[in-house]
C-alpha cells in the first residue's frame, strides 16, 4: 500500500492571504519564539539566501531557552 500524499491532508490555498512564517539562522531565538506565539505556530521555516535550510520547533526553542 502506498503512503498518503501531502495533498490528502493539506489545507487548500483558495486565493486568500497566506502567511508563511520564516526566520533566518542569525535571528534571535527569543524573536523566533515571539513570532511563533503571535501566529500560534508550533514551528517555522528557517530561510537563508531565499532558500529553506531547516525548521525550528517551538518545543525545541523553549527547551533551549530553559522554559
C-alpha atoms as a PDB file:
ATOM      1  CA  UNK A   1       0.000   0.000   0.000  1.00  0.00           C
ATOM      2  CA  UNK A   2       1.361   3.412  -0.995  1.00  0.00           C
ATOM      3  CA  UNK A   3       1.651   6.041   1.763  1.00  0.00           C
ATOM      4  CA  UNK A   4      -0.708   9.040   1.558  1.00  0.00           C
ATOM      5  CA  UNK A   5       0.376  12.131  -0.345  1.00  0.00           C
ATOM      6  CA  UNK A   6       0.599  15.614   1.133  1.00  0.00           C
ATOM      7  CA  UNK A   7      -2.498  16.678  -0.811  1.00  0.00           C
ATOM      8  CA  UNK A   8      -4.543  14.243   1.314  1.00  0.00           C
ATOM      9  CA  UNK A   9      -4.064  16.393   4.413  1.00  0.00           C
ATOM     10  CA  UNK A  10      -3.038  19.836   3.160  1.00  0.00           C
ATOM     11  CA  UNK A  11      -5.196  22.914   3.508  1.00  0.00           C
ATOM     12  CA  UNK A  12      -6.069  24.277   0.093  1.00  0.00           C
ATOM     13  CA  UNK A  13      -4.930  27.759  -0.822  1.00  0.00           C
ATOM     14  CA  UNK A  14      -8.066  29.351  -2.219  1.00  0.00           C
ATOM     15  CA  UNK A  15      -6.740  32.736  -3.226  1.00  0.00           C
ATOM     16  CA  UNK A  16      -6.829  34.248   0.246  1.00  0.00           C
ATOM     17  CA  UNK A  17      -3.910  35.667   2.179  1.00  0.00           C
ATOM     18  CA  UNK A  18      -1.394  33.025   3.174  1.00  0.00           C
ATOM     19  CA  UNK A  19       1.284  33.674   5.761  1.00  0.00           C
ATOM     20  CA  UNK A  20       4.492  31.716   5.686  1.00  0.00           C
ATOM     21  CA  UNK A  21       6.358  32.246   8.911  1.00  0.00           C
ATOM     22  CA  UNK A  22      10.113  32.338   8.470  1.00  0.00           C
ATOM     23  CA  UNK A  23      13.273  33.357  10.280  1.00  0.00           C
ATOM     24  CA  UNK A  24      16.967  33.494   9.428  1.00  0.00           C
ATOM     25  CA  UNK A  25      19.536  31.328  11.227  1.00  0.00           C
ATOM     26  CA  UNK A  26      21.093  34.517  12.630  1.00  0.00           C
ATOM     27  CA  UNK A  27      17.819  35.826  14.146  1.00  0.00           C
ATOM     28  CA  UNK A  28      17.491  35.875  17.935  1.00  0.00           C
ATOM     29  CA  UNK A  29      15.842  32.755  19.293  1.00  0.00           C
ATOM     30  CA  UNK A  30      13.603  34.845  21.531  1.00  0.00           C
ATOM     31  CA  UNK A  31      12.323  36.759  18.479  1.00  0.00           C
ATOM     32  CA  UNK A  32      11.537  33.476  16.728  1.00  0.00           C
ATOM     33  CA  UNK A  33       9.598  32.251  19.781  1.00  0.00           C
ATOM     34  CA  UNK A  34       7.651  35.527  19.921  1.00  0.00           C
ATOM     35  CA  UNK A  35       6.769  35.110  16.241  1.00  0.00           C
ATOM     36  CA  UNK A  36       5.568  31.533  16.747  1.00  0.00           C
ATOM     37  CA  UNK A  37       3.469  32.543  19.755  1.00  0.00           C
ATOM     38  CA  UNK A  38       1.987  35.505  17.883  1.00  0.00           C
ATOM     39  CA  UNK A  39       0.932  33.285  14.967  1.00  0.00           C
ATOM     40  CA  UNK A  40       0.043  30.338  17.230  1.00  0.00           C
ATOM     41  CA  UNK A  41       2.516  28.193  15.285  1.00  0.00           C
ATOM     42  CA  UNK A  42       4.349  25.149  16.600  1.00  0.00           C
ATOM     43  CA  UNK A  43       7.170  25.532  14.072  1.00  0.00           C
ATOM     44  CA  UNK A  44       8.534  27.816  11.394  1.00  0.00           C
ATOM     45  CA  UNK A  45      10.816  27.613   8.405  1.00  0.00           C
ATOM     46  CA  UNK A  46      14.414  28.795   8.614  1.00  0.00           C
ATOM     47  CA  UNK A  47      15.454  30.623   5.417  1.00  0.00           C
ATOM     48  CA  UNK A  48      18.953  31.536   4.243  1.00  0.00           C
ATOM     49  CA  UNK A  49      19.675  33.166   0.883  1.00  0.00           C
ATOM     50  CA  UNK A  50      15.972  32.806  -0.012  1.00  0.00           C
ATOM     51  CA  UNK A  51      16.134  29.023   0.444  1.00  0.00           C
ATOM     52  CA  UNK A  52      14.741  26.865   3.236  1.00  0.00           C
ATOM     53  CA  UNK A  53      17.533  25.375   5.311  1.00  0.00           C
ATOM     54  CA  UNK A  54      15.636  23.977   8.283  1.00  0.00           C
ATOM     55  CA  UNK A  55      12.687  24.003  10.627  1.00  0.00           C
ATOM     56  CA  UNK A  56      12.555  25.420  14.130  1.00  0.00           C
ATOM     57  CA  UNK A  57      10.097  23.786  16.504  1.00  0.00           C
ATOM     58  CA  UNK A  58       8.638  25.775  19.370  1.00  0.00           C
ATOM     59  CA  UNK A  59       9.258  22.992  21.887  1.00  0.00           C
ATOM     60  CA  UNK A  60      12.950  22.842  20.930  1.00  0.00           C
ATOM     61  CA  UNK A  61      13.320  26.616  21.141  1.00  0.00           C
ATOM     62  CA  UNK A  62      11.674  26.753  24.572  1.00  0.00           C
ATOM     63  CA  UNK A  63      13.886  23.936  25.818  1.00  0.00           C
ATOM     64  CA  UNK A  64      17.000  25.757  24.599  1.00  0.00           C
ATOM     65  CA  UNK A  65      15.846  28.886  26.443  1.00  0.00           C
ATOM     66  CA  UNK A  66      15.251  26.862  29.615  1.00  0.00           C
ATOM     67  CA  UNK A  67      11.492  27.375  29.582  1.00  0.00           C
END
